[in-house]
Amino acid sequence: MAQRYPRDRFDEIPDDLHRVGAHRAPRPKGRGWIAVGWAALATVVLIGAGVFGLSLVSGSISFHASPNSKGGPSSATATATSTPTPTVTPTVDPSLSVNILNGTATEGLGAKASDVLTKAGWKIGAIANADNTNVAKTVVYYADPAKQAAALGVAASLPGATVQQTQDFADTGADLTVVLGSNYTG
């Protein structure tokens, strides 16, 4: 026969515990919000990383400062002796292609510039509108320093144009890119 033991404090279970098994305790209040908080934090981190990655891929963010950028540390240092800067003579090179982008709201300005450059001996690659229609100055862009003389030649054909070296238009396939500004009237 089974032996009976006297009742002690371990035989009485409080009514507010709602135990299912011997080792389960009640869940603390608000514990579900911890999981929601971690999930929200992970979502924000993943979205931020995705936006940063897409910005890097699209070229919106660059870790390489251009020589004309403001605010970065300057790599140029002044020297005590000055060396004469060689002057570049503007040339016309019909083997180079020139893209023309109209940076103004004036329709047909790209075609007028194309006519001027064609008469001057340049080969026109493409004529299109620029992303921005309120460009103030006409600029001839070149990527390769060896094409600076040709860029100066294009600028000489377009009154008020200046030249600038940049890699922004290097992937267009053209050797030189002209962005027409409001200072060019055709």
N, C-alpha and C. Protein backbone atom coordinates (compact mmCIF):
# COMPACT_ATOMS: atom_id res chain seq x y z
N MET A 1 0.81 -1.15 0.00
CA MET A 1 0.00 0.00 0.00
C MET A 1 0.88 1.25 0.00
N ALA A 2 0.38 2.34 -0.59
CA ALA A 2 1.16 3.56 -0.70
C ALA A 2 1.22 4.26 0.64
N GLN A 3 2.36 4.81 0.86
CA GLN A 3 2.58 5.48 2.13
C GLN A 3 2.16 6.93 1.98
N ARG A 4 1.55 7.47 2.93
CA ARG A 4 1.09 8.85 2.92
C ARG A 4 2.03 9.71 3.75
N TYR A 5 2.40 10.83 3.16
CA TYR A 5 3.28 11.75 3.86
C TYR A 5 2.44 12.94 4.33
N PRO A 6 2.90 13.59 5.35
CA PRO A 6 2.12 14.74 5.83
C PRO A 6 2.25 15.91 4.83
N ARG A 7 1.24 16.76 4.71
CA ARG A 7 1.26 17.92 3.81
C ARG A 7 2.26 18.94 4.32
N ASP A 8 3.00 19.54 3.38
CA ASP A 8 3.93 20.60 3.75
C ASP A 8 3.72 21.80 2.81
N ARG A 9 4.63 22.79 2.84
CA ARG A 9 4.45 24.01 2.05
C ARG A 9 4.59 23.80 0.54
N PHE A 10 5.21 22.72 0.10
CA PHE A 10 5.40 22.46 -1.33
C PHE A 10 4.16 21.85 -1.97
N ASP A 11 3.20 21.39 -1.16
CA ASP A 11 1.99 20.79 -1.71
C ASP A 11 0.95 21.84 -2.09
N GLU A 12 1.12 23.06 -1.63
CA GLU A 12 0.14 24.10 -1.93
C GLU A 12 0.70 25.01 -3.02
N ILE A 13 0.01 25.10 -4.14
CA ILE A 13 0.42 25.93 -5.27
C ILE A 13 -0.49 27.15 -5.30
N PRO A 14 0.09 28.35 -5.37
CA PRO A 14 -0.77 29.54 -5.43
C PRO A 14 -1.64 29.51 -6.68
N ASP A 15 -2.83 30.08 -6.60
CA ASP A 15 -3.79 30.07 -7.71
C ASP A 15 -3.38 30.98 -8.87
N ASP A 16 -2.53 31.98 -8.64
CA ASP A 16 -2.18 32.93 -9.69
C ASP A 16 -1.03 32.48 -10.59
N LEU A 17 -0.46 31.31 -10.37
CA LEU A 17 0.68 30.87 -11.17
C LEU A 17 0.30 30.23 -12.49
N HIS A 18 -0.80 29.61 -12.63
CA HIS A 18 -1.26 28.95 -13.85
C HIS A 18 -0.19 28.05 -14.44
N ARG A 19 0.36 27.20 -13.68
CA ARG A 19 1.41 26.30 -14.14
C ARG A 19 0.83 25.17 -14.98
N VAL A 20 1.61 24.78 -15.99
CA VAL A 20 1.24 23.65 -16.82
C VAL A 20 2.14 22.48 -16.47
N GLY A 21 3.41 22.75 -16.28
CA GLY A 21 4.38 21.73 -15.93
C GLY A 21 5.06 22.10 -14.64
N ALA A 22 5.93 21.25 -14.19
CA ALA A 22 6.57 21.46 -12.90
C ALA A 22 7.56 22.62 -12.92
N HIS A 23 8.18 22.94 -14.08
CA HIS A 23 9.24 23.94 -14.11
C HIS A 23 8.84 25.23 -14.82
N ARG A 24 7.59 25.44 -15.10
CA ARG A 24 7.18 26.64 -15.82
C ARG A 24 6.72 27.71 -14.85
N ALA A 25 7.18 28.90 -15.13
CA ALA A 25 6.78 30.04 -14.33
C ALA A 25 5.97 30.97 -15.22
N PRO A 26 5.26 31.88 -14.65
CA PRO A 26 4.48 32.80 -15.49
C PRO A 26 5.40 33.69 -16.31
N ARG A 27 4.97 34.06 -17.52
CA ARG A 27 5.75 34.94 -18.39
C ARG A 27 5.64 36.37 -17.88
N PRO A 28 6.79 37.06 -17.87
CA PRO A 28 6.72 38.45 -17.44
C PRO A 28 5.93 39.29 -18.44
N LYS A 29 5.23 40.31 -17.96
CA LYS A 29 4.43 41.16 -18.84
C LYS A 29 5.36 41.99 -19.73
N GLY A 30 4.96 42.19 -20.99
CA GLY A 30 5.74 42.99 -21.93
C GLY A 30 6.84 42.22 -22.62
N ARG A 31 6.95 40.93 -22.40
CA ARG A 31 8.02 40.15 -23.01
C ARG A 31 7.87 40.06 -24.53
N GLY A 32 6.68 40.12 -25.06
CA GLY A 32 6.45 40.06 -26.50
C GLY A 32 7.00 41.28 -27.24
N TRP A 33 7.09 42.43 -26.57
CA TRP A 33 7.58 43.64 -27.20
C TRP A 33 9.08 43.59 -27.43
N ILE A 34 9.78 42.77 -26.71
CA ILE A 34 11.23 42.63 -26.92
C ILE A 34 11.49 42.05 -28.32
N ALA A 35 10.76 41.04 -28.69
CA ALA A 35 10.91 40.44 -30.02
C ALA A 35 10.54 41.44 -31.11
N VAL A 36 9.48 42.21 -30.89
CA VAL A 36 9.07 43.22 -31.87
C VAL A 36 10.16 44.30 -32.01
N GLY A 37 10.76 44.70 -30.90
CA GLY A 37 11.83 45.70 -30.93
C GLY A 37 13.04 45.22 -31.70
N TRP A 38 13.46 43.97 -31.45
CA TRP A 38 14.61 43.42 -32.19
C TRP A 38 14.31 43.30 -33.68
N ALA A 39 13.08 42.90 -34.02
CA ALA A 39 12.71 42.79 -35.43
C ALA A 39 12.72 44.15 -36.11
N ALA A 40 12.22 45.19 -35.40
CA ALA A 40 12.22 46.54 -35.97
C ALA A 40 13.65 47.05 -36.16
N LEU A 41 14.51 46.80 -35.19
CA LEU A 41 15.91 47.22 -35.30
C LEU A 41 16.60 46.53 -36.48
N ALA A 42 16.37 45.24 -36.63
CA ALA A 42 16.98 44.49 -37.74
C ALA A 42 16.47 45.02 -39.08
N THR A 43 15.18 45.36 -39.15
CA THR A 43 14.61 45.90 -40.38
C THR A 43 15.25 47.23 -40.75
N VAL A 44 15.41 48.11 -39.76
CA VAL A 44 16.02 49.42 -40.01
C VAL A 44 17.47 49.26 -40.47
N VAL A 45 18.22 48.36 -39.84
CA VAL A 45 19.62 48.15 -40.22
C VAL A 45 19.71 47.58 -41.64
N LEU A 46 18.86 46.63 -41.98
CA LEU A 46 18.90 46.04 -43.32
C LEU A 46 18.49 47.04 -44.40
N ILE A 47 17.49 47.86 -44.13
CA ILE A 47 17.07 48.87 -45.11
C ILE A 47 18.16 49.91 -45.28
N GLY A 48 18.77 50.35 -44.17
CA GLY A 48 19.86 51.32 -44.26
C GLY A 48 21.04 50.78 -45.05
N ALA A 49 21.40 49.53 -44.81
CA ALA A 49 22.50 48.92 -45.57
C ALA A 49 22.15 48.80 -47.05
N GLY A 50 20.90 48.49 -47.35
CA GLY A 50 20.47 48.39 -48.74
C GLY A 50 20.52 49.73 -49.46
N VAL A 51 20.05 50.79 -48.80
CA VAL A 51 20.07 52.12 -49.41
C VAL A 51 21.52 52.58 -49.61
N PHE A 52 22.37 52.34 -48.63
CA PHE A 52 23.79 52.71 -48.75
C PHE A 52 24.44 51.93 -49.90
N GLY A 53 24.16 50.64 -49.98
CA GLY A 53 24.74 49.82 -51.06
C GLY A 53 24.27 50.28 -52.43
N LEU A 54 22.99 50.59 -52.57
CA LEU A 54 22.48 51.07 -53.86
C LEU A 54 23.06 52.43 -54.21
N SER A 55 23.27 53.28 -53.21
CA SER A 55 23.89 54.59 -53.47
C SER A 55 25.32 54.43 -53.95
N LEU A 56 26.04 53.47 -53.39
CA LEU A 56 27.40 53.22 -53.85
C LEU A 56 27.41 52.71 -55.28
N VAL A 57 26.50 51.79 -55.59
CA VAL A 57 26.45 51.20 -56.92
C VAL A 57 26.06 52.24 -57.96
N SER A 58 25.08 53.09 -57.62
CA SER A 58 24.61 54.08 -58.60
C SER A 58 25.54 55.27 -58.73
N GLY A 59 26.51 55.40 -57.84
CA GLY A 59 27.48 56.49 -57.94
C GLY A 59 27.09 57.73 -57.16
N SER A 60 26.01 57.69 -56.38
CA SER A 60 25.61 58.84 -55.58
C SER A 60 26.60 59.12 -54.47
N ILE A 61 27.24 58.09 -53.99
CA ILE A 61 28.24 58.23 -52.93
C ILE A 61 29.58 57.82 -53.50
N SER A 62 30.59 58.63 -53.27
CA SER A 62 31.92 58.31 -53.76
C SER A 62 32.92 58.56 -52.64
N PHE A 63 33.83 57.63 -52.45
CA PHE A 63 34.86 57.77 -51.44
C PHE A 63 36.14 58.37 -52.02
N HIS A 64 36.11 58.72 -53.29
CA HIS A 64 37.27 59.31 -53.94
C HIS A 64 36.92 60.75 -54.27
N ALA A 65 37.55 61.70 -53.61
CA ALA A 65 37.27 63.11 -53.84
C ALA A 65 37.87 63.54 -55.17
N SER A 66 37.09 64.32 -55.92
CA SER A 66 37.61 64.84 -57.18
C SER A 66 38.50 66.04 -56.89
N PRO A 67 39.39 66.38 -57.79
CA PRO A 67 40.30 67.49 -57.54
C PRO A 67 39.59 68.81 -57.32
N ASN A 68 38.38 68.97 -57.86
CA ASN A 68 37.66 70.23 -57.73
C ASN A 68 36.67 70.22 -56.58
N SER A 69 36.65 69.16 -55.76
CA SER A 69 35.68 69.09 -54.67
C SER A 69 36.06 70.04 -53.55
N LYS A 70 35.02 70.54 -52.86
CA LYS A 70 35.24 71.47 -51.77
C LYS A 70 35.21 70.72 -50.46
N GLY A 71 35.93 71.17 -49.50
CA GLY A 71 35.85 70.64 -48.15
C GLY A 71 36.79 69.50 -47.86
N GLY A 72 37.36 68.87 -48.83
CA GLY A 72 38.25 67.74 -48.60
C GLY A 72 39.66 68.21 -48.35
N PRO A 73 40.48 67.33 -47.86
CA PRO A 73 41.87 67.72 -47.66
C PRO A 73 42.56 67.94 -49.00
N SER A 74 43.37 68.94 -49.06
CA SER A 74 44.05 69.27 -50.30
C SER A 74 45.33 68.46 -50.40
N SER A 75 45.53 67.86 -51.56
CA SER A 75 46.75 67.08 -51.76
C SER A 75 47.86 67.94 -52.36
N ALA A 76 47.51 69.13 -52.82
CA ALA A 76 48.52 69.99 -53.42
C ALA A 76 49.23 70.78 -52.33
N THR A 77 50.52 70.89 -52.46
CA THR A 77 51.30 71.66 -51.50
C THR A 77 52.07 72.72 -52.25
N ALA A 78 52.25 73.85 -51.60
CA ALA A 78 52.98 74.94 -52.23
C ALA A 78 54.47 74.64 -52.19
N THR A 79 55.13 74.96 -53.27
CA THR A 79 56.57 74.75 -53.33
C THR A 79 57.26 76.10 -53.38
N ALA A 80 58.50 76.14 -52.93
CA ALA A 80 59.26 77.39 -52.89
C ALA A 80 59.65 77.82 -54.31
N THR A 81 59.93 76.84 -55.16
CA THR A 81 60.31 77.19 -56.53
C THR A 81 59.11 76.99 -57.43
N SER A 82 58.93 77.89 -58.36
CA SER A 82 57.81 77.76 -59.28
C SER A 82 58.32 77.19 -60.60
N THR A 83 57.52 76.29 -61.12
CA THR A 83 57.87 75.72 -62.42
C THR A 83 56.89 76.29 -63.43
N PRO A 84 57.34 76.58 -64.61
CA PRO A 84 56.43 77.14 -65.61
C PRO A 84 55.39 76.10 -66.01
N THR A 85 54.15 76.54 -66.07
CA THR A 85 53.07 75.67 -66.48
C THR A 85 53.00 75.66 -67.99
N PRO A 86 53.04 74.48 -68.59
CA PRO A 86 52.98 74.45 -70.05
C PRO A 86 51.59 74.87 -70.51
N THR A 87 51.54 75.66 -71.55
CA THR A 87 50.26 76.09 -72.10
C THR A 87 49.80 75.06 -73.12
N VAL A 88 48.51 74.82 -73.09
CA VAL A 88 47.92 73.85 -74.01
C VAL A 88 47.29 74.63 -75.15
N THR A 89 47.63 74.25 -76.36
CA THR A 89 47.11 74.91 -77.54
C THR A 89 45.83 74.22 -77.99
N PRO A 90 44.73 74.97 -78.17
CA PRO A 90 43.48 74.36 -78.64
C PRO A 90 43.67 73.74 -80.02
N THR A 91 43.14 72.54 -80.18
CA THR A 91 43.22 71.84 -81.47
C THR A 91 41.85 71.33 -81.87
N VAL A 92 41.72 71.03 -83.15
CA VAL A 92 40.51 70.40 -83.67
C VAL A 92 40.89 68.99 -84.11
N ASP A 93 40.24 68.00 -83.51
CA ASP A 93 40.53 66.60 -83.83
C ASP A 93 39.24 65.94 -84.30
N PRO A 94 39.04 65.81 -85.62
CA PRO A 94 37.80 65.25 -86.15
C PRO A 94 37.60 63.77 -85.81
N SER A 95 38.63 63.10 -85.29
CA SER A 95 38.45 61.69 -84.94
C SER A 95 37.75 61.53 -83.59
N LEU A 96 37.66 62.59 -82.81
CA LEU A 96 37.01 62.52 -81.49
C LEU A 96 35.53 62.81 -81.63
N SER A 97 34.72 62.11 -80.85
CA SER A 97 33.28 62.35 -80.88
C SER A 97 32.90 63.28 -79.73
N VAL A 98 31.91 64.13 -80.02
CA VAL A 98 31.45 65.13 -79.06
C VAL A 98 29.96 64.94 -78.83
N ASN A 99 29.56 64.73 -77.56
CA ASN A 99 28.15 64.71 -77.19
C ASN A 99 27.75 66.10 -76.74
N ILE A 100 26.53 66.50 -77.07
CA ILE A 100 26.03 67.82 -76.69
C ILE A 100 24.79 67.64 -75.83
N LEU A 101 24.80 68.24 -74.65
CA LEU A 101 23.65 68.21 -73.75
C LEU A 101 23.15 69.63 -73.55
N ASN A 102 21.86 69.83 -73.79
CA ASN A 102 21.25 71.15 -73.62
C ASN A 102 20.85 71.31 -72.16
N GLY A 103 21.54 72.17 -71.44
CA GLY A 103 21.25 72.41 -70.03
C GLY A 103 20.36 73.62 -69.81
N THR A 104 19.62 74.03 -70.85
CA THR A 104 18.71 75.18 -70.74
C THR A 104 17.31 74.74 -71.14
N ALA A 105 16.37 75.64 -70.96
CA ALA A 105 14.99 75.37 -71.36
C ALA A 105 14.75 75.76 -72.82
N THR A 106 15.75 76.32 -73.49
CA THR A 106 15.63 76.74 -74.88
C THR A 106 15.67 75.52 -75.79
N GLU A 107 14.59 75.31 -76.53
CA GLU A 107 14.54 74.15 -77.43
C GLU A 107 15.39 74.41 -78.67
N GLY A 108 16.06 73.38 -79.15
CA GLY A 108 16.84 73.47 -80.37
C GLY A 108 18.23 74.04 -80.19
N LEU A 109 18.60 74.39 -78.95
CA LEU A 109 19.93 74.97 -78.72
C LEU A 109 21.02 73.93 -78.98
N GLY A 110 20.75 72.67 -78.67
CA GLY A 110 21.72 71.61 -78.94
C GLY A 110 21.98 71.44 -80.42
N ALA A 111 20.92 71.54 -81.22
CA ALA A 111 21.08 71.42 -82.68
C ALA A 111 21.89 72.59 -83.24
N LYS A 112 21.67 73.80 -82.69
CA LYS A 112 22.44 74.97 -83.15
C LYS A 112 23.92 74.79 -82.83
N ALA A 113 24.21 74.31 -81.61
CA ALA A 113 25.60 74.07 -81.23
C ALA A 113 26.21 72.97 -82.08
N SER A 114 25.40 71.98 -82.43
CA SER A 114 25.89 70.90 -83.29
C SER A 114 26.29 71.44 -84.66
N ASP A 115 25.48 72.34 -85.21
CA ASP A 115 25.81 72.93 -86.51
C ASP A 115 27.13 73.71 -86.43
N VAL A 116 27.31 74.46 -85.33
CA VAL A 116 28.54 75.25 -85.17
C VAL A 116 29.75 74.33 -85.09
N LEU A 117 29.64 73.27 -84.30
CA LEU A 117 30.77 72.36 -84.11
C LEU A 117 31.05 71.54 -85.37
N THR A 118 30.02 71.17 -86.10
CA THR A 118 30.22 70.42 -87.34
C THR A 118 30.96 71.28 -88.36
N LYS A 119 30.59 72.56 -88.44
CA LYS A 119 31.28 73.47 -89.37
C LYS A 119 32.73 73.68 -88.94
N ALA A 120 32.99 73.57 -87.64
CA ALA A 120 34.36 73.76 -87.14
C ALA A 120 35.20 72.50 -87.32
N GLY A 121 34.58 71.38 -87.77
CA GLY A 121 35.34 70.17 -88.05
C GLY A 121 35.19 69.06 -87.01
N TRP A 122 34.23 69.17 -86.10
CA TRP A 122 34.05 68.16 -85.05
C TRP A 122 33.03 67.12 -85.46
N LYS A 123 33.19 65.88 -84.96
CA LYS A 123 32.25 64.79 -85.20
C LYS A 123 31.29 64.75 -84.00
N ILE A 124 29.99 64.92 -84.26
CA ILE A 124 28.99 64.96 -83.20
C ILE A 124 28.49 63.53 -82.95
N GLY A 125 28.52 63.12 -81.68
CA GLY A 125 28.06 61.78 -81.31
C GLY A 125 26.58 61.74 -81.02
N ALA A 126 26.10 62.57 -80.10
CA ALA A 126 24.70 62.57 -79.71
C ALA A 126 24.31 63.96 -79.24
N ILE A 127 23.02 64.28 -79.45
CA ILE A 127 22.46 65.54 -78.96
C ILE A 127 21.27 65.18 -78.09
N ALA A 128 21.26 65.69 -76.86
CA ALA A 128 20.17 65.37 -75.93
C ALA A 128 19.99 66.51 -74.94
N ASN A 129 18.94 66.43 -74.15
CA ASN A 129 18.72 67.39 -73.09
C ASN A 129 19.43 66.90 -71.83
N ALA A 130 19.97 67.84 -71.07
CA ALA A 130 20.62 67.50 -69.80
C ALA A 130 19.54 67.24 -68.75
N ASP A 131 19.94 66.63 -67.65
CA ASP A 131 19.00 66.38 -66.55
C ASP A 131 18.52 67.69 -65.93
N ASN A 132 19.37 68.69 -65.95
CA ASN A 132 19.08 69.97 -65.33
C ASN A 132 18.90 71.02 -66.42
N THR A 133 17.83 71.81 -66.35
CA THR A 133 17.59 72.81 -67.39
C THR A 133 17.92 74.23 -66.94
N ASN A 134 18.60 74.38 -65.83
CA ASN A 134 18.97 75.73 -65.39
C ASN A 134 20.49 75.85 -65.19
N VAL A 135 21.25 75.29 -66.13
CA VAL A 135 22.71 75.39 -66.10
C VAL A 135 23.09 76.80 -66.53
N ALA A 136 23.98 77.43 -65.79
CA ALA A 136 24.34 78.82 -66.06
C ALA A 136 25.46 78.96 -67.10
N LYS A 137 26.50 78.13 -67.00
CA LYS A 137 27.66 78.28 -67.88
C LYS A 137 27.84 77.07 -68.77
N THR A 138 28.30 77.31 -69.97
CA THR A 138 28.60 76.24 -70.91
C THR A 138 29.98 75.67 -70.56
N VAL A 139 30.03 74.33 -70.41
CA VAL A 139 31.27 73.67 -70.01
C VAL A 139 31.53 72.50 -70.96
N VAL A 140 32.79 72.36 -71.39
CA VAL A 140 33.22 71.21 -72.18
C VAL A 140 33.96 70.28 -71.22
N TYR A 141 33.45 69.06 -71.06
CA TYR A 141 34.03 68.10 -70.13
C TYR A 141 34.87 67.08 -70.90
N TYR A 142 36.00 66.72 -70.30
CA TYR A 142 36.87 65.68 -70.87
C TYR A 142 37.37 64.82 -69.72
N ALA A 143 37.58 63.53 -69.97
CA ALA A 143 38.03 62.61 -68.93
C ALA A 143 39.54 62.37 -69.01
N ASP A 144 40.05 62.24 -70.21
CA ASP A 144 41.47 61.93 -70.42
C ASP A 144 42.26 63.23 -70.50
N PRO A 145 43.29 63.41 -69.68
CA PRO A 145 44.09 64.64 -69.74
C PRO A 145 44.71 64.88 -71.12
N ALA A 146 44.91 63.84 -71.88
CA ALA A 146 45.48 64.00 -73.22
C ALA A 146 44.50 64.69 -74.17
N LYS A 147 43.23 64.78 -73.79
CA LYS A 147 42.22 65.40 -74.66
C LYS A 147 41.91 66.83 -74.23
N GLN A 148 42.75 67.41 -73.39
CA GLN A 148 42.53 68.78 -72.94
C GLN A 148 42.62 69.76 -74.10
N ALA A 149 43.56 69.57 -74.99
CA ALA A 149 43.72 70.47 -76.14
C ALA A 149 42.47 70.42 -77.02
N ALA A 150 41.93 69.24 -77.22
CA ALA A 150 40.71 69.11 -78.02
C ALA A 150 39.53 69.78 -77.32
N ALA A 151 39.46 69.63 -75.99
CA ALA A 151 38.38 70.28 -75.24
C ALA A 151 38.49 71.80 -75.36
N LEU A 152 39.71 72.31 -75.34
CA LEU A 152 39.91 73.75 -75.53
C LEU A 152 39.51 74.17 -76.95
N GLY A 153 39.73 73.28 -77.91
CA GLY A 153 39.32 73.56 -79.28
C GLY A 153 37.81 73.65 -79.41
N VAL A 154 37.09 72.75 -78.74
CA VAL A 154 35.62 72.82 -78.75
C VAL A 154 35.16 74.10 -78.06
N ALA A 155 35.77 74.41 -76.92
CA ALA A 155 35.40 75.61 -76.17
C ALA A 155 35.65 76.87 -76.99
N ALA A 156 36.69 76.87 -77.82
CA ALA A 156 36.96 78.03 -78.67
C ALA A 156 35.88 78.22 -79.73
N SER A 157 35.22 77.13 -80.12
CA SER A 157 34.16 77.21 -81.12
C SER A 157 32.84 77.70 -80.53
N LEU A 158 32.69 77.56 -79.20
CA LEU A 158 31.45 77.95 -78.52
C LEU A 158 31.75 79.15 -77.61
N PRO A 159 31.30 80.33 -77.96
CA PRO A 159 31.61 81.52 -77.17
C PRO A 159 31.15 81.38 -75.71
N GLY A 160 32.06 81.73 -74.80
CA GLY A 160 31.74 81.69 -73.37
C GLY A 160 31.92 80.34 -72.71
N ALA A 161 32.39 79.34 -73.46
CA ALA A 161 32.54 77.99 -72.91
C ALA A 161 33.86 77.86 -72.15
N THR A 162 33.86 77.06 -71.11
CA THR A 162 35.06 76.72 -70.36
C THR A 162 35.26 75.22 -70.42
N VAL A 163 36.42 74.74 -69.98
CA VAL A 163 36.70 73.30 -69.98
C VAL A 163 36.89 72.82 -68.55
N GLN A 164 36.59 71.54 -68.34
CA GLN A 164 36.76 70.94 -67.01
C GLN A 164 37.00 69.45 -67.19
N GLN A 165 37.98 68.94 -66.44
CA GLN A 165 38.26 67.51 -66.47
C GLN A 165 37.41 66.82 -65.41
N THR A 166 36.70 65.76 -65.80
CA THR A 166 35.87 64.99 -64.88
C THR A 166 35.65 63.60 -65.45
N GLN A 167 35.33 62.68 -64.56
CA GLN A 167 35.02 61.31 -64.99
C GLN A 167 33.50 61.09 -65.07
N ASP A 168 32.71 62.14 -64.85
CA ASP A 168 31.25 62.01 -64.82
C ASP A 168 30.66 61.53 -66.14
N PHE A 169 31.27 61.89 -67.26
CA PHE A 169 30.74 61.52 -68.57
C PHE A 169 31.61 60.48 -69.27
N ALA A 170 32.51 59.83 -68.53
CA ALA A 170 33.43 58.88 -69.14
C ALA A 170 32.72 57.65 -69.71
N ASP A 171 31.59 57.26 -69.11
CA ASP A 171 30.91 56.04 -69.55
C ASP A 171 29.92 56.29 -70.69
N THR A 172 29.86 57.50 -71.23
CA THR A 172 28.91 57.79 -72.31
C THR A 172 29.41 57.31 -73.67
N GLY A 173 30.71 57.07 -73.77
CA GLY A 173 31.28 56.62 -75.04
C GLY A 173 31.83 57.75 -75.88
N ALA A 174 31.52 58.99 -75.53
CA ALA A 174 32.05 60.13 -76.27
C ALA A 174 33.37 60.57 -75.66
N ASP A 175 34.21 61.15 -76.49
CA ASP A 175 35.50 61.64 -76.00
C ASP A 175 35.34 62.95 -75.23
N LEU A 176 34.41 63.79 -75.70
CA LEU A 176 34.15 65.09 -75.07
C LEU A 176 32.65 65.25 -74.91
N THR A 177 32.24 65.96 -73.87
CA THR A 177 30.82 66.22 -73.64
C THR A 177 30.65 67.71 -73.38
N VAL A 178 29.74 68.33 -74.13
CA VAL A 178 29.43 69.75 -73.96
C VAL A 178 28.08 69.85 -73.26
N VAL A 179 28.05 70.59 -72.14
CA VAL A 179 26.79 70.90 -71.48
C VAL A 179 26.55 72.38 -71.70
N LEU A 180 25.52 72.68 -72.48
CA LEU A 180 25.22 74.07 -72.84
C LEU A 180 24.52 74.76 -71.67
N GLY A 181 24.98 75.96 -71.35
CA GLY A 181 24.38 76.76 -70.30
C GLY A 181 23.67 77.97 -70.86
N SER A 182 23.06 78.74 -69.97
CA SER A 182 22.29 79.91 -70.42
C SER A 182 23.18 81.00 -70.99
N ASN A 183 24.50 80.93 -70.77
CA ASN A 183 25.39 81.94 -71.35
C ASN A 183 25.64 81.69 -72.85
N TYR A 184 25.23 80.52 -73.36
CA TYR A 184 25.39 80.24 -74.80
C TYR A 184 24.05 80.53 -75.48
N THR A 185 24.06 81.42 -76.44
CA THR A 185 22.82 81.79 -77.12
C THR A 185 22.70 81.18 -78.51
N GLY A 186 23.77 80.60 -79.00
CA GLY A 186 23.71 79.95 -80.30
C GLY A 186 24.07 80.92 -81.35
